């Protein structure tokens, strides 16, 4: 499978956010999501002793806040500073539920 230029740009956007914002143990992952109309929404995870949020869910909340109706593609990158975890698979279900309730 060949990566499209738009997907490569999305990985680069997530990598740039990770480099700029993931500088502590509180933020170790960054997500970039492309909307259906081509905008990019980015977010980082939040690590907290009592609770936290994966960057995919933070990006979903950001997208809804900005009035986004549909996400096309989402990528997440990690930093060497923190542990890597697999993508939050419930994120897609969260988007489907949230877009119905929040739109």
N, C-alpha and C. Protein backbone atom coordinates (compact mmCIF):
# COMPACT_ATOMS: atom_id res chain seq x y z
N UNK A 1 0.83 -1.17 0.00
CA UNK A 1 0.00 0.00 0.00
C UNK A 1 0.88 1.24 0.00
N UNK A 2 0.57 2.17 -0.85
CA UNK A 2 1.33 3.40 -0.97
C UNK A 2 0.64 4.51 -0.18
N UNK A 3 1.43 5.28 0.55
CA UNK A 3 0.89 6.38 1.32
C UNK A 3 0.65 7.58 0.40
N UNK A 4 -0.54 8.15 0.50
CA UNK A 4 -0.86 9.34 -0.28
C UNK A 4 -0.13 10.55 0.30
N UNK A 5 0.08 11.56 -0.54
CA UNK A 5 0.74 12.78 -0.07
C UNK A 5 -0.05 13.44 1.07
N UNK A 6 -1.38 13.40 0.99
CA UNK A 6 -2.19 14.00 2.05
C UNK A 6 -2.02 13.26 3.37
N UNK A 7 -1.84 11.93 3.30
CA UNK A 7 -1.62 11.16 4.52
C UNK A 7 -0.22 11.41 5.07
N UNK A 8 0.75 11.52 4.19
CA UNK A 8 2.12 11.83 4.61
C UNK A 8 2.14 13.20 5.31
N UNK A 9 1.41 14.16 4.77
CA UNK A 9 1.34 15.49 5.39
C UNK A 9 0.68 15.41 6.76
N UNK A 10 -0.29 14.52 6.92
CA UNK A 10 -0.94 14.36 8.21
C UNK A 10 0.02 13.78 9.25
N UNK A 11 0.83 12.82 8.84
CA UNK A 11 1.85 12.26 9.74
C UNK A 11 2.85 13.35 10.12
N UNK A 12 3.23 14.17 9.16
CA UNK A 12 4.16 15.26 9.44
C UNK A 12 3.53 16.27 10.40
N UNK A 13 2.24 16.54 10.25
CA UNK A 13 1.55 17.47 11.15
C UNK A 13 1.53 16.92 12.58
N UNK A 14 1.21 15.63 12.72
CA UNK A 14 1.20 15.02 14.06
C UNK A 14 2.61 15.02 14.65
N UNK A 15 3.60 14.75 13.83
CA UNK A 15 4.99 14.75 14.30
C UNK A 15 5.42 16.13 14.77
N UNK A 16 4.99 17.16 14.05
CA UNK A 16 5.33 18.54 14.44
C UNK A 16 4.69 18.91 15.77
N UNK A 17 3.45 18.50 15.97
CA UNK A 17 2.77 18.77 17.25
C UNK A 17 3.49 18.02 18.37
N UNK A 18 3.85 16.76 18.12
CA UNK A 18 4.56 15.98 19.15
C UNK A 18 5.88 16.65 19.52
N UNK A 19 6.60 17.10 18.52
CA UNK A 19 7.90 17.73 18.78
C UNK A 19 7.73 19.03 19.57
N UNK A 20 6.69 19.79 19.25
CA UNK A 20 6.47 21.09 19.88
C UNK A 20 5.82 20.98 21.26
N UNK A 21 4.88 20.07 21.41
CA UNK A 21 4.05 20.05 22.63
C UNK A 21 4.29 18.87 23.57
N UNK A 22 4.88 17.80 23.10
CA UNK A 22 5.07 16.61 23.95
C UNK A 22 6.46 16.65 24.57
N UNK A 23 6.61 17.49 25.57
CA UNK A 23 7.92 17.70 26.18
C UNK A 23 7.96 17.28 27.64
N UNK A 24 6.92 16.58 28.08
CA UNK A 24 6.91 16.12 29.47
C UNK A 24 6.19 14.78 29.53
N UNK A 25 6.22 14.17 30.69
CA UNK A 25 5.54 12.88 30.86
C UNK A 25 4.02 13.03 30.81
N UNK A 26 3.53 14.26 30.90
CA UNK A 26 2.08 14.50 30.86
C UNK A 26 1.52 14.45 29.45
N UNK A 27 2.39 14.61 28.45
CA UNK A 27 1.95 14.61 27.05
C UNK A 27 2.99 13.84 26.23
N UNK A 28 2.64 12.63 25.81
CA UNK A 28 3.61 11.76 25.13
C UNK A 28 3.17 11.33 23.73
N UNK A 29 1.92 11.63 23.36
CA UNK A 29 1.38 11.25 22.06
C UNK A 29 0.68 12.44 21.42
N UNK A 30 0.75 12.52 20.11
CA UNK A 30 0.06 13.59 19.38
C UNK A 30 -0.74 12.97 18.23
N UNK A 31 -1.88 13.56 17.97
CA UNK A 31 -2.77 13.11 16.89
C UNK A 31 -3.04 14.28 15.95
N UNK A 32 -3.13 13.97 14.69
CA UNK A 32 -3.61 14.93 13.69
C UNK A 32 -4.72 14.23 12.92
N UNK A 33 -5.83 14.92 12.73
CA UNK A 33 -6.97 14.36 12.02
C UNK A 33 -7.36 15.32 10.89
N UNK A 34 -7.63 14.73 9.73
CA UNK A 34 -8.05 15.54 8.58
C UNK A 34 -9.57 15.48 8.46
N UNK A 35 -10.17 16.64 8.32
CA UNK A 35 -11.61 16.71 8.17
C UNK A 35 -11.99 16.42 6.72
N UNK A 36 -13.26 16.20 6.49
CA UNK A 36 -13.73 15.91 5.13
C UNK A 36 -13.46 17.08 4.19
N UNK A 37 -13.41 18.30 4.73
CA UNK A 37 -13.14 19.45 3.86
C UNK A 37 -11.66 19.85 3.83
N UNK A 38 -10.78 19.00 4.41
CA UNK A 38 -9.34 19.20 4.28
C UNK A 38 -8.66 19.92 5.43
N UNK A 39 -9.41 20.40 6.41
CA UNK A 39 -8.76 21.05 7.56
C UNK A 39 -8.08 19.99 8.42
N UNK A 40 -7.11 20.41 9.23
CA UNK A 40 -6.41 19.50 10.13
C UNK A 40 -6.67 19.93 11.57
N UNK A 41 -7.08 18.98 12.38
CA UNK A 41 -7.30 19.18 13.81
C UNK A 41 -6.22 18.38 14.53
N UNK A 42 -5.55 19.00 15.48
CA UNK A 42 -4.49 18.29 16.21
C UNK A 42 -4.76 18.31 17.70
N UNK A 43 -4.14 17.36 18.39
CA UNK A 43 -4.32 17.25 19.84
C UNK A 43 -3.19 16.41 20.43
N UNK A 44 -3.05 16.49 21.74
CA UNK A 44 -2.10 15.65 22.47
C UNK A 44 -2.85 14.89 23.56
N UNK A 45 -2.23 13.82 24.03
CA UNK A 45 -2.83 13.08 25.14
C UNK A 45 -2.61 13.83 26.44
N UNK A 46 -3.32 13.40 27.47
CA UNK A 46 -3.16 13.95 28.81
C UNK A 46 -2.97 12.77 29.75
N UNK A 47 -1.81 12.70 30.38
CA UNK A 47 -1.52 11.65 31.35
C UNK A 47 -1.73 12.25 32.73
N UNK A 48 -2.53 11.59 33.54
CA UNK A 48 -2.83 12.10 34.88
C UNK A 48 -3.00 10.89 35.80
N UNK A 49 -2.57 11.00 37.05
CA UNK A 49 -2.66 9.84 37.96
C UNK A 49 -4.07 9.31 38.16
N UNK A 50 -5.06 10.17 38.15
CA UNK A 50 -6.43 9.71 38.42
C UNK A 50 -7.20 9.39 37.14
N UNK A 51 -6.85 10.03 36.06
CA UNK A 51 -7.52 9.79 34.78
C UNK A 51 -6.71 10.47 33.70
N UNK A 52 -6.96 10.12 32.49
CA UNK A 52 -6.25 10.73 31.39
C UNK A 52 -7.09 10.65 30.14
N UNK A 53 -6.56 11.15 29.06
CA UNK A 53 -7.30 11.12 27.79
C UNK A 53 -6.32 10.85 26.66
N UNK A 54 -6.68 9.91 25.81
CA UNK A 54 -5.84 9.63 24.65
C UNK A 54 -5.99 10.78 23.65
N UNK A 55 -4.99 10.99 22.79
CA UNK A 55 -5.05 12.14 21.89
C UNK A 55 -6.16 12.02 20.85
N UNK A 56 -6.56 10.80 20.53
CA UNK A 56 -7.64 10.63 19.55
C UNK A 56 -8.95 11.21 20.09
N UNK A 57 -9.24 10.93 21.36
CA UNK A 57 -10.46 11.45 21.96
C UNK A 57 -10.39 12.96 22.13
N UNK A 58 -9.22 13.48 22.50
CA UNK A 58 -9.05 14.93 22.60
C UNK A 58 -9.27 15.57 21.23
N UNK A 59 -8.75 14.96 20.17
CA UNK A 59 -8.96 15.48 18.82
C UNK A 59 -10.43 15.45 18.43
N UNK A 60 -11.15 14.41 18.83
CA UNK A 60 -12.58 14.35 18.53
C UNK A 60 -13.32 15.50 19.20
N UNK A 61 -13.01 15.75 20.47
CA UNK A 61 -13.64 16.86 21.17
C UNK A 61 -13.31 18.20 20.55
N UNK A 62 -12.06 18.35 20.13
CA UNK A 62 -11.64 19.58 19.46
C UNK A 62 -12.39 19.76 18.15
N UNK A 63 -12.53 18.68 17.40
CA UNK A 63 -13.24 18.73 16.11
C UNK A 63 -14.69 19.15 16.31
N UNK A 64 -15.35 18.55 17.29
CA UNK A 64 -16.75 18.91 17.55
C UNK A 64 -16.85 20.37 17.96
N UNK A 65 -15.92 20.81 18.81
CA UNK A 65 -15.91 22.21 19.26
C UNK A 65 -15.78 23.17 18.08
N UNK A 66 -15.02 22.76 17.06
CA UNK A 66 -14.81 23.60 15.88
C UNK A 66 -15.90 23.43 14.82
N UNK A 67 -16.93 22.64 15.12
CA UNK A 67 -18.04 22.48 14.20
C UNK A 67 -17.79 21.48 13.08
N UNK A 68 -16.80 20.62 13.24
CA UNK A 68 -16.49 19.63 12.21
C UNK A 68 -17.58 18.55 12.20
N UNK A 69 -18.05 18.21 11.02
CA UNK A 69 -19.08 17.20 10.90
C UNK A 69 -18.56 15.83 10.56
N UNK A 70 -17.36 15.76 9.98
CA UNK A 70 -16.84 14.46 9.57
C UNK A 70 -15.32 14.49 9.54
N UNK A 71 -14.71 13.43 10.06
CA UNK A 71 -13.27 13.24 9.97
C UNK A 71 -12.99 12.17 8.93
N UNK A 72 -11.96 12.42 8.13
CA UNK A 72 -11.61 11.47 7.07
C UNK A 72 -10.52 10.51 7.52
N UNK A 73 -9.45 11.05 8.11
CA UNK A 73 -8.29 10.24 8.49
C UNK A 73 -7.70 10.79 9.78
N UNK A 74 -7.19 9.88 10.63
CA UNK A 74 -6.57 10.29 11.88
C UNK A 74 -5.29 9.48 12.07
N UNK A 75 -4.21 10.15 12.47
CA UNK A 75 -2.96 9.46 12.77
C UNK A 75 -2.46 9.91 14.14
N UNK A 76 -1.74 9.01 14.80
CA UNK A 76 -1.16 9.31 16.10
C UNK A 76 0.31 8.92 16.07
N UNK A 77 1.14 9.80 16.63
CA UNK A 77 2.57 9.51 16.74
C UNK A 77 2.98 9.65 18.19
N UNK A 78 4.02 8.93 18.56
CA UNK A 78 4.53 8.97 19.92
C UNK A 78 5.89 9.63 19.98
N UNK A 79 6.32 9.88 21.19
CA UNK A 79 7.65 10.46 21.40
C UNK A 79 8.51 9.43 22.10
N UNK A 80 9.79 9.64 22.04
CA UNK A 80 10.71 8.75 22.74
C UNK A 80 10.63 8.94 24.25
N UNK A 81 10.03 10.06 24.67
CA UNK A 81 9.98 10.40 26.09
C UNK A 81 8.99 9.57 26.88
N UNK A 82 8.02 8.99 26.21
CA UNK A 82 6.99 8.30 26.97
C UNK A 82 6.64 6.95 26.39
N UNK A 83 5.85 6.21 27.13
CA UNK A 83 5.44 4.90 26.66
C UNK A 83 4.48 5.03 25.49
N UNK A 84 4.58 4.10 24.58
CA UNK A 84 3.68 4.08 23.44
C UNK A 84 2.54 3.14 23.75
N UNK A 85 1.36 3.51 23.32
CA UNK A 85 0.23 2.63 23.49
C UNK A 85 -0.50 2.54 22.15
N UNK A 86 -1.19 1.45 21.90
CA UNK A 86 -1.91 1.34 20.64
C UNK A 86 -3.01 2.39 20.56
N UNK A 87 -3.42 2.75 19.35
CA UNK A 87 -4.49 3.74 19.21
C UNK A 87 -5.74 3.32 19.96
N UNK A 88 -6.46 4.30 20.41
CA UNK A 88 -7.69 4.04 21.15
C UNK A 88 -8.78 3.63 20.16
N UNK A 89 -9.03 2.36 20.08
CA UNK A 89 -10.02 1.89 19.11
C UNK A 89 -11.42 2.41 19.38
N UNK A 90 -11.79 2.73 20.62
CA UNK A 90 -13.12 3.31 20.82
C UNK A 90 -13.28 4.70 20.21
N UNK A 91 -12.17 5.31 19.76
CA UNK A 91 -12.27 6.67 19.22
C UNK A 91 -13.24 6.74 18.05
N UNK A 92 -13.22 5.78 17.16
CA UNK A 92 -14.13 5.80 16.02
C UNK A 92 -15.57 5.70 16.50
N UNK A 93 -15.82 4.83 17.47
CA UNK A 93 -17.17 4.73 18.02
C UNK A 93 -17.56 6.02 18.71
N UNK A 94 -16.61 6.64 19.40
CA UNK A 94 -16.89 7.91 20.08
C UNK A 94 -17.27 8.98 19.07
N UNK A 95 -16.56 9.01 17.94
CA UNK A 95 -16.87 10.02 16.92
C UNK A 95 -18.27 9.80 16.38
N UNK A 96 -18.63 8.57 16.09
CA UNK A 96 -19.96 8.29 15.55
C UNK A 96 -21.04 8.72 16.54
N UNK A 97 -20.84 8.41 17.82
CA UNK A 97 -21.81 8.78 18.84
C UNK A 97 -21.84 10.28 19.03
N UNK A 98 -20.67 10.89 19.14
CA UNK A 98 -20.60 12.32 19.41
C UNK A 98 -21.13 13.14 18.23
N UNK A 99 -20.85 12.71 17.01
CA UNK A 99 -21.31 13.48 15.87
C UNK A 99 -22.83 13.45 15.78
N UNK A 100 -23.44 12.37 16.24
CA UNK A 100 -24.91 12.31 16.24
C UNK A 100 -25.48 13.18 17.35
N UNK A 101 -24.84 13.17 18.52
CA UNK A 101 -25.37 13.90 19.67
C UNK A 101 -24.97 15.37 19.70
N UNK A 102 -23.77 15.68 19.20
CA UNK A 102 -23.24 17.03 19.36
C UNK A 102 -23.45 17.92 18.13
N UNK A 103 -23.75 17.35 17.00
CA UNK A 103 -23.83 18.16 15.78
C UNK A 103 -25.11 18.96 15.73
